[in-house]
Amino acid sequence: MEERQVLHHPELEGYFSGILKTVGEDVSREGLIKTPGRAAKAIEFLTRGYHQDPEQILRSALFREDFSEMVIVRDIELYSLCEHHMLPFFGKVHVAYIPNGHIVGLSKIPRLVDVFARRLQVQERLTGEILSCLDKTLKPHGAAVVIEARHMCMMMRGVQKQNSLTTSSAFTGVFKSFETRNEFLNLLNKQS
């Protein structure tokens, strides 16, 4: 099935054509004729988070609820582009919060992850942006984010370490206490 995404920045197609020519490719050969357009659509898709409002996504599904125990959404698939080499990094995000009078629709947490992941990123900033938005919008007793990711810039070039895994974490509120943080991390370590 052919992709039907509309290209919002047609000039991108010309840039990708120029890159292909610069590396010595013939952009008129059969396999590459549509590549500049496909690459342009792909980069628009992979950076669409710049045009989305993460706080609005969370606010669209806030519900009053007296529940005040830990809520964890774990193993959220993550795909992003490293801002240094524009190569992918991918992995899992684990998000937790302790409600303070409001809960959020569970699907909004993966959507929040996608908004920030669909920008040029570094894993450390991505971790902090997800946490900060949750904390600012939900105003929970505390929130936590852990990201485990593999970076193609480390696997395909540079040090070429195919099995390396980078873990980053950030915590607010009650998750700064050893007891709450430990409960969260222990729950993450349990296999589903």
N, C-alpha and C. Protein backbone atom coordinates (compact mmCIF):
# COMPACT_ATOMS: atom_id res chain seq x y z
N MET A 1 0.85 -1.18 0.00
CA MET A 1 0.00 0.00 0.00
C MET A 1 0.89 1.24 0.00
N GLU A 2 0.62 2.17 -0.88
CA GLU A 2 1.43 3.38 -1.00
C GLU A 2 1.07 4.38 0.10
N GLU A 3 2.11 5.02 0.63
CA GLU A 3 1.93 6.03 1.68
C GLU A 3 1.24 7.26 1.10
N ARG A 4 0.26 7.80 1.82
CA ARG A 4 -0.52 8.93 1.32
C ARG A 4 -0.25 10.23 2.08
N GLN A 5 0.80 10.27 2.85
CA GLN A 5 1.11 11.45 3.63
C GLN A 5 1.40 12.64 2.71
N VAL A 6 0.83 13.78 3.04
CA VAL A 6 1.05 15.01 2.27
C VAL A 6 2.36 15.65 2.72
N LEU A 7 3.17 16.06 1.77
CA LEU A 7 4.43 16.72 2.07
C LEU A 7 4.17 18.21 2.32
N HIS A 8 4.47 18.66 3.55
CA HIS A 8 4.21 20.05 3.93
C HIS A 8 5.35 20.99 3.56
N HIS A 9 6.55 20.45 3.39
CA HIS A 9 7.73 21.25 3.04
C HIS A 9 8.38 20.65 1.79
N PRO A 10 7.84 20.96 0.60
CA PRO A 10 8.34 20.36 -0.64
C PRO A 10 9.84 20.59 -0.88
N GLU A 11 10.39 21.64 -0.29
CA GLU A 11 11.82 21.91 -0.48
C GLU A 11 12.69 20.79 0.08
N LEU A 12 12.15 20.02 1.04
CA LEU A 12 12.91 18.90 1.60
C LEU A 12 13.27 17.88 0.53
N GLU A 13 12.36 17.67 -0.40
CA GLU A 13 12.61 16.70 -1.48
C GLU A 13 13.87 17.10 -2.26
N GLY A 14 14.01 18.37 -2.56
CA GLY A 14 15.20 18.86 -3.26
C GLY A 14 16.47 18.68 -2.45
N TYR A 15 16.37 18.89 -1.14
CA TYR A 15 17.55 18.71 -0.28
C TYR A 15 18.00 17.25 -0.29
N PHE A 16 17.04 16.32 -0.18
CA PHE A 16 17.41 14.90 -0.19
C PHE A 16 17.97 14.49 -1.55
N SER A 17 17.43 15.03 -2.61
CA SER A 17 17.96 14.76 -3.95
C SER A 17 19.42 15.23 -4.02
N GLY A 18 19.69 16.41 -3.48
CA GLY A 18 21.04 16.95 -3.45
C GLY A 18 22.00 16.07 -2.66
N ILE A 19 21.54 15.56 -1.53
CA ILE A 19 22.38 14.67 -0.71
C ILE A 19 22.74 13.42 -1.51
N LEU A 20 21.73 12.82 -2.15
CA LEU A 20 21.99 11.61 -2.94
C LEU A 20 22.99 11.87 -4.06
N LYS A 21 22.84 12.99 -4.74
CA LYS A 21 23.78 13.34 -5.81
C LYS A 21 25.18 13.56 -5.24
N THR A 22 25.27 14.21 -4.09
CA THR A 22 26.56 14.52 -3.48
C THR A 22 27.33 13.25 -3.09
N VAL A 23 26.62 12.21 -2.65
CA VAL A 23 27.31 10.97 -2.27
C VAL A 23 27.58 10.08 -3.48
N GLY A 24 27.21 10.54 -4.68
CA GLY A 24 27.55 9.82 -5.89
C GLY A 24 26.45 8.97 -6.49
N GLU A 25 25.23 9.14 -6.03
CA GLU A 25 24.11 8.34 -6.56
C GLU A 25 23.49 9.01 -7.77
N ASP A 26 22.85 8.19 -8.58
CA ASP A 26 22.10 8.65 -9.75
C ASP A 26 20.63 8.68 -9.35
N VAL A 27 20.11 9.87 -9.09
CA VAL A 27 18.73 9.99 -8.61
C VAL A 27 17.69 9.66 -9.68
N SER A 28 18.15 9.43 -10.90
CA SER A 28 17.20 9.06 -11.95
C SER A 28 17.09 7.54 -12.12
N ARG A 29 17.89 6.78 -11.37
CA ARG A 29 17.77 5.33 -11.50
C ARG A 29 16.50 4.85 -10.80
N GLU A 30 15.99 3.72 -11.28
CA GLU A 30 14.67 3.23 -10.86
C GLU A 30 14.48 3.18 -9.34
N GLY A 31 15.43 2.64 -8.63
CA GLY A 31 15.28 2.49 -7.19
C GLY A 31 15.31 3.78 -6.40
N LEU A 32 15.78 4.86 -7.02
CA LEU A 32 15.93 6.13 -6.29
C LEU A 32 15.00 7.24 -6.77
N ILE A 33 14.24 7.00 -7.81
CA ILE A 33 13.40 8.07 -8.37
C ILE A 33 12.49 8.70 -7.31
N LYS A 34 11.85 7.87 -6.50
CA LYS A 34 10.91 8.39 -5.49
C LYS A 34 11.54 8.58 -4.11
N THR A 35 12.82 8.23 -3.98
CA THR A 35 13.48 8.29 -2.67
C THR A 35 13.50 9.70 -2.06
N PRO A 36 13.83 10.75 -2.80
CA PRO A 36 13.83 12.08 -2.17
C PRO A 36 12.46 12.45 -1.58
N GLY A 37 11.38 12.13 -2.27
CA GLY A 37 10.04 12.41 -1.76
C GLY A 37 9.71 11.57 -0.54
N ARG A 38 10.09 10.30 -0.60
CA ARG A 38 9.84 9.41 0.56
C ARG A 38 10.63 9.87 1.78
N ALA A 39 11.90 10.22 1.55
CA ALA A 39 12.75 10.68 2.66
C ALA A 39 12.20 11.97 3.25
N ALA A 40 11.70 12.87 2.41
CA ALA A 40 11.12 14.13 2.89
C ALA A 40 9.90 13.85 3.76
N LYS A 41 9.03 12.95 3.31
CA LYS A 41 7.85 12.59 4.10
C LYS A 41 8.26 11.93 5.41
N ALA A 42 9.28 11.08 5.35
CA ALA A 42 9.75 10.40 6.56
C ALA A 42 10.27 11.39 7.58
N ILE A 43 11.08 12.36 7.15
CA ILE A 43 11.63 13.32 8.11
C ILE A 43 10.54 14.21 8.69
N GLU A 44 9.53 14.54 7.90
CA GLU A 44 8.40 15.30 8.45
C GLU A 44 7.68 14.48 9.51
N PHE A 45 7.45 13.19 9.23
CA PHE A 45 6.78 12.32 10.19
C PHE A 45 7.61 12.18 11.47
N LEU A 46 8.91 11.98 11.29
CA LEU A 46 9.79 11.74 12.44
C LEU A 46 10.05 12.99 13.28
N THR A 47 9.64 14.15 12.78
CA THR A 47 9.81 15.40 13.54
C THR A 47 8.48 16.12 13.76
N ARG A 48 7.38 15.42 13.63
CA ARG A 48 6.07 16.06 13.76
C ARG A 48 5.78 16.53 15.19
N GLY A 49 6.55 16.08 16.15
CA GLY A 49 6.36 16.50 17.53
C GLY A 49 6.56 17.99 17.75
N TYR A 50 7.30 18.64 16.86
CA TYR A 50 7.48 20.09 16.97
C TYR A 50 6.16 20.84 16.78
N HIS A 51 5.19 20.19 16.15
CA HIS A 51 3.92 20.84 15.83
C HIS A 51 2.77 20.32 16.69
N GLN A 52 3.10 19.66 17.80
CA GLN A 52 2.07 19.13 18.70
C GLN A 52 2.26 19.73 20.09
N ASP A 53 1.16 19.88 20.81
CA ASP A 53 1.18 20.46 22.15
C ASP A 53 1.05 19.34 23.18
N PRO A 54 2.14 18.97 23.84
CA PRO A 54 2.09 17.85 24.77
C PRO A 54 1.17 18.10 25.98
N GLU A 55 1.15 19.33 26.47
CA GLU A 55 0.28 19.62 27.62
C GLU A 55 -1.19 19.47 27.24
N GLN A 56 -1.55 19.90 26.04
CA GLN A 56 -2.94 19.77 25.59
C GLN A 56 -3.34 18.31 25.47
N ILE A 57 -2.42 17.47 25.05
CA ILE A 57 -2.72 16.03 24.96
C ILE A 57 -3.10 15.50 26.33
N LEU A 58 -2.35 15.86 27.35
CA LEU A 58 -2.67 15.40 28.71
C LEU A 58 -3.96 16.04 29.22
N ARG A 59 -4.12 17.35 29.00
CA ARG A 59 -5.32 18.04 29.49
C ARG A 59 -6.60 17.52 28.85
N SER A 60 -6.49 16.93 27.66
CA SER A 60 -7.69 16.45 26.96
C SER A 60 -8.31 15.23 27.63
N ALA A 61 -7.62 14.63 28.58
CA ALA A 61 -8.16 13.43 29.24
C ALA A 61 -7.81 13.41 30.72
N LEU A 62 -8.02 14.52 31.40
CA LEU A 62 -7.83 14.59 32.86
C LEU A 62 -9.16 14.31 33.54
N PHE A 63 -9.11 13.45 34.56
CA PHE A 63 -10.34 13.08 35.26
C PHE A 63 -10.12 13.21 36.76
N ARG A 64 -11.13 13.76 37.45
CA ARG A 64 -11.07 13.83 38.91
C ARG A 64 -11.17 12.42 39.47
N GLU A 65 -10.24 12.10 40.35
CA GLU A 65 -10.24 10.77 40.95
C GLU A 65 -9.44 10.85 42.24
N ASP A 66 -9.96 10.20 43.30
CA ASP A 66 -9.29 10.23 44.59
C ASP A 66 -8.18 9.20 44.73
N PHE A 67 -7.95 8.40 43.73
CA PHE A 67 -6.89 7.39 43.76
C PHE A 67 -5.55 8.07 43.98
N SER A 68 -4.78 7.59 44.97
CA SER A 68 -3.50 8.25 45.26
C SER A 68 -2.37 7.25 45.44
N GLU A 69 -2.43 6.16 44.70
CA GLU A 69 -1.35 5.18 44.69
C GLU A 69 -0.63 5.27 43.35
N MET A 70 0.45 4.54 43.22
CA MET A 70 1.28 4.62 42.03
C MET A 70 0.58 4.08 40.79
N VAL A 71 0.69 4.83 39.69
CA VAL A 71 0.21 4.40 38.37
C VAL A 71 1.45 4.29 37.49
N ILE A 72 1.63 3.13 36.87
CA ILE A 72 2.79 2.91 36.00
C ILE A 72 2.32 2.50 34.62
N VAL A 73 2.83 3.16 33.61
CA VAL A 73 2.66 2.71 32.22
C VAL A 73 4.08 2.36 31.77
N ARG A 74 4.30 1.08 31.54
CA ARG A 74 5.66 0.62 31.25
C ARG A 74 5.77 0.06 29.84
N ASP A 75 7.00 -0.09 29.41
CA ASP A 75 7.31 -0.71 28.12
C ASP A 75 6.69 0.04 26.94
N ILE A 76 6.64 1.35 27.02
CA ILE A 76 6.14 2.17 25.91
C ILE A 76 7.24 2.20 24.84
N GLU A 77 6.89 1.78 23.64
CA GLU A 77 7.88 1.77 22.56
C GLU A 77 8.33 3.20 22.25
N LEU A 78 9.62 3.34 22.03
CA LEU A 78 10.23 4.64 21.77
C LEU A 78 11.04 4.57 20.48
N TYR A 79 10.80 5.54 19.60
CA TYR A 79 11.60 5.71 18.39
C TYR A 79 11.85 7.20 18.24
N SER A 80 13.12 7.58 18.16
CA SER A 80 13.46 8.99 18.02
C SER A 80 14.70 9.12 17.15
N LEU A 81 15.07 10.37 16.85
CA LEU A 81 16.28 10.66 16.09
C LEU A 81 17.25 11.43 16.96
N CYS A 82 18.48 10.95 17.01
CA CYS A 82 19.55 11.63 17.73
C CYS A 82 19.83 12.96 17.04
N GLU A 83 19.91 14.03 17.80
CA GLU A 83 20.14 15.34 17.20
C GLU A 83 21.57 15.53 16.71
N HIS A 84 22.48 14.67 17.14
CA HIS A 84 23.88 14.83 16.73
C HIS A 84 24.16 14.26 15.34
N HIS A 85 23.55 13.10 15.02
CA HIS A 85 23.82 12.45 13.74
C HIS A 85 22.56 12.21 12.92
N MET A 86 21.41 12.52 13.50
CA MET A 86 20.11 12.26 12.87
C MET A 86 19.94 10.77 12.56
N LEU A 87 20.50 9.94 13.43
CA LEU A 87 20.30 8.50 13.34
C LEU A 87 19.31 8.10 14.42
N PRO A 88 18.60 7.00 14.21
CA PRO A 88 17.58 6.59 15.18
C PRO A 88 18.16 6.12 16.51
N PHE A 89 17.40 6.32 17.56
CA PHE A 89 17.57 5.55 18.79
C PHE A 89 16.20 5.04 19.17
N PHE A 90 16.19 3.88 19.82
CA PHE A 90 14.92 3.20 20.06
C PHE A 90 15.02 2.39 21.35
N GLY A 91 13.87 2.17 21.95
CA GLY A 91 13.86 1.40 23.19
C GLY A 91 12.51 1.46 23.86
N LYS A 92 12.55 1.54 25.20
CA LYS A 92 11.32 1.54 25.99
C LYS A 92 11.35 2.67 27.00
N VAL A 93 10.16 3.19 27.26
CA VAL A 93 9.98 4.23 28.27
C VAL A 93 9.04 3.68 29.33
N HIS A 94 9.38 3.95 30.58
CA HIS A 94 8.53 3.56 31.72
C HIS A 94 8.17 4.85 32.46
N VAL A 95 6.89 5.07 32.65
CA VAL A 95 6.41 6.31 33.27
C VAL A 95 5.54 5.96 34.47
N ALA A 96 5.74 6.68 35.56
CA ALA A 96 4.91 6.49 36.75
C ALA A 96 4.54 7.85 37.34
N TYR A 97 3.39 7.87 37.99
CA TYR A 97 3.02 9.07 38.75
C TYR A 97 2.10 8.66 39.88
N ILE A 98 2.03 9.49 40.90
CA ILE A 98 1.10 9.29 42.01
C ILE A 98 0.12 10.45 41.96
N PRO A 99 -1.15 10.15 41.60
CA PRO A 99 -2.15 11.19 41.39
C PRO A 99 -2.37 12.06 42.62
N ASN A 100 -2.77 13.29 42.35
CA ASN A 100 -3.09 14.25 43.40
C ASN A 100 -4.45 14.86 43.06
N GLY A 101 -5.48 13.99 43.03
CA GLY A 101 -6.83 14.46 42.73
C GLY A 101 -7.25 14.28 41.28
N HIS A 102 -6.29 14.01 40.38
CA HIS A 102 -6.60 13.81 38.97
C HIS A 102 -5.80 12.63 38.41
N ILE A 103 -6.42 11.88 37.53
CA ILE A 103 -5.72 10.87 36.75
C ILE A 103 -5.83 11.28 35.28
N VAL A 104 -4.99 10.69 34.46
CA VAL A 104 -5.01 10.98 33.03
C VAL A 104 -5.34 9.70 32.28
N GLY A 105 -6.05 9.82 31.17
CA GLY A 105 -6.33 8.65 30.34
C GLY A 105 -5.03 7.95 29.99
N LEU A 106 -4.99 6.64 30.17
CA LEU A 106 -3.74 5.90 30.03
C LEU A 106 -3.10 6.06 28.65
N SER A 107 -3.90 6.17 27.60
CA SER A 107 -3.33 6.29 26.25
C SER A 107 -2.60 7.61 26.04
N LYS A 108 -2.87 8.58 26.90
CA LYS A 108 -2.24 9.89 26.73
C LYS A 108 -0.76 9.87 27.11
N ILE A 109 -0.37 8.93 27.96
CA ILE A 109 1.04 8.87 28.35
C ILE A 109 1.91 8.42 27.18
N PRO A 110 1.57 7.34 26.46
CA PRO A 110 2.36 7.02 25.25
C PRO A 110 2.30 8.13 24.20
N ARG A 111 1.16 8.81 24.09
CA ARG A 111 1.08 9.92 23.13
C ARG A 111 2.04 11.05 23.54
N LEU A 112 2.14 11.30 24.84
CA LEU A 112 3.07 12.30 25.34
C LEU A 112 4.51 11.92 24.99
N VAL A 113 4.85 10.65 25.20
CA VAL A 113 6.18 10.16 24.85
C VAL A 113 6.46 10.41 23.37
N ASP A 114 5.48 10.09 22.51
CA ASP A 114 5.67 10.26 21.07
C ASP A 114 5.88 11.72 20.67
N VAL A 115 5.18 12.65 21.31
CA VAL A 115 5.35 14.06 20.97
C VAL A 115 6.80 14.48 21.16
N PHE A 116 7.38 14.13 22.28
CA PHE A 116 8.77 14.53 22.53
C PHE A 116 9.76 13.67 21.75
N ALA A 117 9.42 12.40 21.50
CA ALA A 117 10.32 11.53 20.73
C ALA A 117 10.36 11.93 19.27
N ARG A 118 9.29 12.51 18.76
CA ARG A 118 9.23 12.91 17.35
C ARG A 118 9.82 14.31 17.16
N ARG A 119 10.98 14.49 17.75
CA ARG A 119 11.78 15.71 17.60
C ARG A 119 13.23 15.24 17.58
N LEU A 120 14.14 16.06 17.10
CA LEU A 120 15.55 15.72 17.23
C LEU A 120 15.87 15.78 18.72
N GLN A 121 16.50 14.72 19.23
CA GLN A 121 16.61 14.58 20.68
C GLN A 121 17.96 14.05 21.13
N VAL A 122 18.20 14.20 22.41
CA VAL A 122 19.16 13.40 23.15
C VAL A 122 18.34 12.71 24.24
N GLN A 123 18.74 11.52 24.61
CA GLN A 123 17.94 10.73 25.54
C GLN A 123 17.75 11.43 26.88
N GLU A 124 18.79 12.08 27.34
CA GLU A 124 18.71 12.74 28.65
C GLU A 124 17.65 13.84 28.65
N ARG A 125 17.64 14.67 27.61
CA ARG A 125 16.64 15.74 27.54
C ARG A 125 15.24 15.17 27.37
N LEU A 126 15.12 14.13 26.54
CA LEU A 126 13.83 13.48 26.33
C LEU A 126 13.25 13.01 27.66
N THR A 127 14.07 12.40 28.49
CA THR A 127 13.65 11.93 29.81
C THR A 127 13.10 13.10 30.63
N GLY A 128 13.85 14.19 30.66
CA GLY A 128 13.44 15.36 31.44
C GLY A 128 12.20 16.05 30.90
N GLU A 129 12.06 16.11 29.57
CA GLU A 129 10.89 16.77 28.99
C GLU A 129 9.60 16.01 29.29
N ILE A 130 9.65 14.70 29.19
CA ILE A 130 8.47 13.89 29.52
C ILE A 130 8.09 14.12 30.98
N LEU A 131 9.08 14.04 31.86
CA LEU A 131 8.84 14.22 33.29
C LEU A 131 8.29 15.61 33.59
N SER A 132 8.91 16.63 33.04
CA SER A 132 8.51 18.00 33.31
C SER A 132 7.07 18.26 32.87
N CYS A 133 6.70 17.76 31.70
CA CYS A 133 5.34 17.97 31.20
C CYS A 133 4.31 17.25 32.08
N LEU A 134 4.63 16.02 32.48
CA LEU A 134 3.73 15.29 33.39
C LEU A 134 3.55 16.07 34.69
N ASP A 135 4.66 16.51 35.25
CA ASP A 135 4.64 17.19 36.54
C ASP A 135 3.88 18.52 36.45
N LYS A 136 4.12 19.28 35.41
CA LYS A 136 3.48 20.58 35.24
C LYS A 136 1.98 20.44 34.98
N THR A 137 1.59 19.46 34.16
CA THR A 137 0.20 19.35 33.74
C THR A 137 -0.66 18.60 34.75
N LEU A 138 -0.14 17.48 35.28
CA LEU A 138 -0.94 16.67 36.21
C LEU A 138 -0.83 17.16 37.65
N LYS A 139 0.27 17.83 37.98
CA LYS A 139 0.54 18.25 39.36
C LYS A 139 0.38 17.07 40.33
N PRO A 140 1.05 15.96 40.05
CA PRO A 140 0.93 14.78 40.91
C PRO A 140 1.76 14.95 42.18
N HIS A 141 1.63 13.98 43.08
CA HIS A 141 2.50 13.96 44.27
C HIS A 141 3.94 13.70 43.85
N GLY A 142 4.11 13.09 42.69
CA GLY A 142 5.44 12.82 42.15
C GLY A 142 5.31 12.08 40.84
N ALA A 143 6.38 12.12 40.06
CA ALA A 143 6.40 11.42 38.78
C ALA A 143 7.79 10.85 38.55
N ALA A 144 7.86 9.84 37.69
CA ALA A 144 9.13 9.18 37.38
C ALA A 144 9.14 8.76 35.92
N VAL A 145 10.30 8.88 35.30
CA VAL A 145 10.48 8.42 33.92
C VAL A 145 11.82 7.70 33.84
N VAL A 146 11.80 6.51 33.25
CA VAL A 146 13.01 5.75 32.96
C VAL A 146 12.98 5.41 31.48
N ILE A 147 14.09 5.66 30.79
CA ILE A 147 14.21 5.30 29.38
C ILE A 147 15.41 4.37 29.22
N GLU A 148 15.18 3.27 28.49
CA GLU A 148 16.24 2.34 28.11
C GLU A 148 16.27 2.33 26.59
N ALA A 149 17.41 2.70 26.00
CA ALA A 149 17.43 2.83 24.54
C ALA A 149 18.76 2.39 23.94
N ARG A 150 18.67 1.96 22.70
CA ARG A 150 19.83 1.63 21.88
C ARG A 150 19.97 2.72 20.82
N HIS A 151 21.20 3.19 20.65
CA HIS A 151 21.47 4.33 19.77
C HIS A 151 22.24 3.87 18.54
N MET A 152 21.64 4.07 17.37
CA MET A 152 22.29 3.66 16.12
C MET A 152 23.59 4.43 15.89
N CYS A 153 23.70 5.63 16.43
CA CYS A 153 24.95 6.39 16.26
C CYS A 153 26.10 5.71 17.00
N MET A 154 25.80 4.89 18.01
CA MET A 154 26.83 4.12 18.70
C MET A 154 26.99 2.73 18.09
N MET A 155 25.98 2.26 17.39
CA MET A 155 26.00 0.90 16.85
C MET A 155 26.58 0.84 15.43
N MET A 156 26.25 1.82 14.59
CA MET A 156 26.62 1.78 13.18
C MET A 156 27.88 2.57 12.85
N ARG A 157 28.28 3.46 13.72
CA ARG A 157 29.42 4.34 13.46
C ARG A 157 30.14 4.57 14.79
N GLY A 158 31.12 5.40 14.79
CA GLY A 158 31.81 5.73 16.03
C GLY A 158 32.37 4.49 16.72
N VAL A 159 31.96 4.25 17.96
CA VAL A 159 32.50 3.12 18.73
C VAL A 159 31.98 1.76 18.26
N GLN A 160 30.91 1.73 17.50
CA GLN A 160 30.33 0.51 16.93
C GLN A 160 30.11 -0.57 18.00
N LYS A 161 29.38 -0.22 19.02
CA LYS A 161 29.05 -1.16 20.11
C LYS A 161 27.59 -1.56 19.99
N GLN A 162 27.34 -2.70 19.35
CA GLN A 162 25.99 -3.13 19.02
C GLN A 162 25.14 -3.52 20.23
N ASN A 163 25.76 -3.88 21.33
CA ASN A 163 24.99 -4.37 22.47
C ASN A 163 24.85 -3.37 23.60
N SER A 164 25.29 -2.14 23.37
CA SER A 164 25.19 -1.16 24.46
C SER A 164 23.75 -0.68 24.63
N LEU A 165 23.39 -0.47 25.87
CA LEU A 165 22.05 0.01 26.23
C LEU A 165 22.24 1.21 27.16
N THR A 166 21.59 2.31 26.84
CA THR A 166 21.70 3.51 27.66
C THR A 166 20.42 3.66 28.48
N THR A 167 20.58 3.86 29.78
CA THR A 167 19.44 4.05 30.68
C THR A 167 19.53 5.44 31.29
N SER A 168 18.42 6.16 31.26
CA SER A 168 18.34 7.47 31.90
C SER A 168 17.09 7.50 32.77
N SER A 169 17.12 8.30 33.82
CA SER A 169 15.96 8.39 34.71
C SER A 169 15.85 9.79 35.27
N ALA A 170 14.62 10.13 35.65
CA ALA A 170 14.37 11.43 36.28
C ALA A 170 13.16 11.27 37.20
N PHE A 171 13.17 12.00 38.31
CA PHE A 171 12.14 11.84 39.34
C PHE A 171 11.75 13.20 39.92
N THR A 172 10.48 13.32 40.31
CA THR A 172 10.02 14.51 41.03
C THR A 172 9.23 14.07 42.25
N GLY A 173 9.01 15.02 43.15
CA GLY A 173 8.12 14.80 44.30
C GLY A 173 8.50 13.59 45.13
N VAL A 174 7.50 12.78 45.47
CA VAL A 174 7.72 11.65 46.36
C VAL A 174 8.65 10.60 45.76
N PHE A 175 8.86 10.62 44.46
CA PHE A 175 9.79 9.67 43.85
C PHE A 175 11.24 9.99 44.17
N LYS A 176 11.47 11.16 44.76
CA LYS A 176 12.83 11.49 45.20
C LYS A 176 13.17 10.75 46.50
N SER A 177 12.15 10.24 47.19
CA SER A 177 12.42 9.47 48.41
C SER A 177 12.84 8.05 48.01
N PHE A 178 13.77 7.50 48.77
CA PHE A 178 14.30 6.17 48.47
C PHE A 178 13.19 5.13 48.41
N GLU A 179 12.26 5.17 49.36
CA GLU A 179 11.21 4.15 49.45
C GLU A 179 10.33 4.13 48.19
N THR A 180 9.84 5.28 47.77
CA THR A 180 8.96 5.34 46.60
C THR A 180 9.72 5.01 45.32
N ARG A 181 10.91 5.56 45.19
CA ARG A 181 11.72 5.28 44.00
C ARG A 181 12.03 3.78 43.93
N ASN A 182 12.37 3.19 45.05
CA ASN A 182 12.70 1.76 45.09
C ASN A 182 11.48 0.90 44.74
N GLU A 183 10.30 1.29 45.23
CA GLU A 183 9.08 0.55 44.88
C GLU A 183 8.88 0.57 43.36
N PHE A 184 9.03 1.74 42.76
CA PHE A 184 8.87 1.89 41.31
C PHE A 184 9.88 1.02 40.57
N LEU A 185 11.15 1.13 40.93
CA LEU A 185 12.19 0.38 40.23
C LEU A 185 12.02 -1.13 40.42
N ASN A 186 11.59 -1.54 41.61
CA ASN A 186 11.33 -2.97 41.84
C ASN A 186 10.17 -3.47 40.98
N LEU A 187 9.13 -2.66 40.84
CA LEU A 187 8.00 -3.05 39.98
C LEU A 187 8.44 -3.14 38.52
N LEU A 188 9.35 -2.28 38.10
CA LEU A 188 9.86 -2.36 36.72
C LEU A 188 10.67 -3.63 36.49
N ASN A 189 11.37 -4.06 37.53
CA ASN A 189 12.22 -5.25 37.39
C ASN A 189 11.44 -6.55 37.37
N LYS A 190 10.17 -6.52 37.80
CA LYS A 190 9.34 -7.72 37.75
C LYS A 190 8.96 -7.99 36.30
N GLN A 191 9.08 -9.22 35.87
CA GLN A 191 8.70 -9.59 34.51
C GLN A 191 7.20 -9.73 34.41
N SER A 192 6.64 -9.28 33.29
CA SER A 192 5.19 -9.36 33.08
C SER A 192 4.77 -10.79 32.85
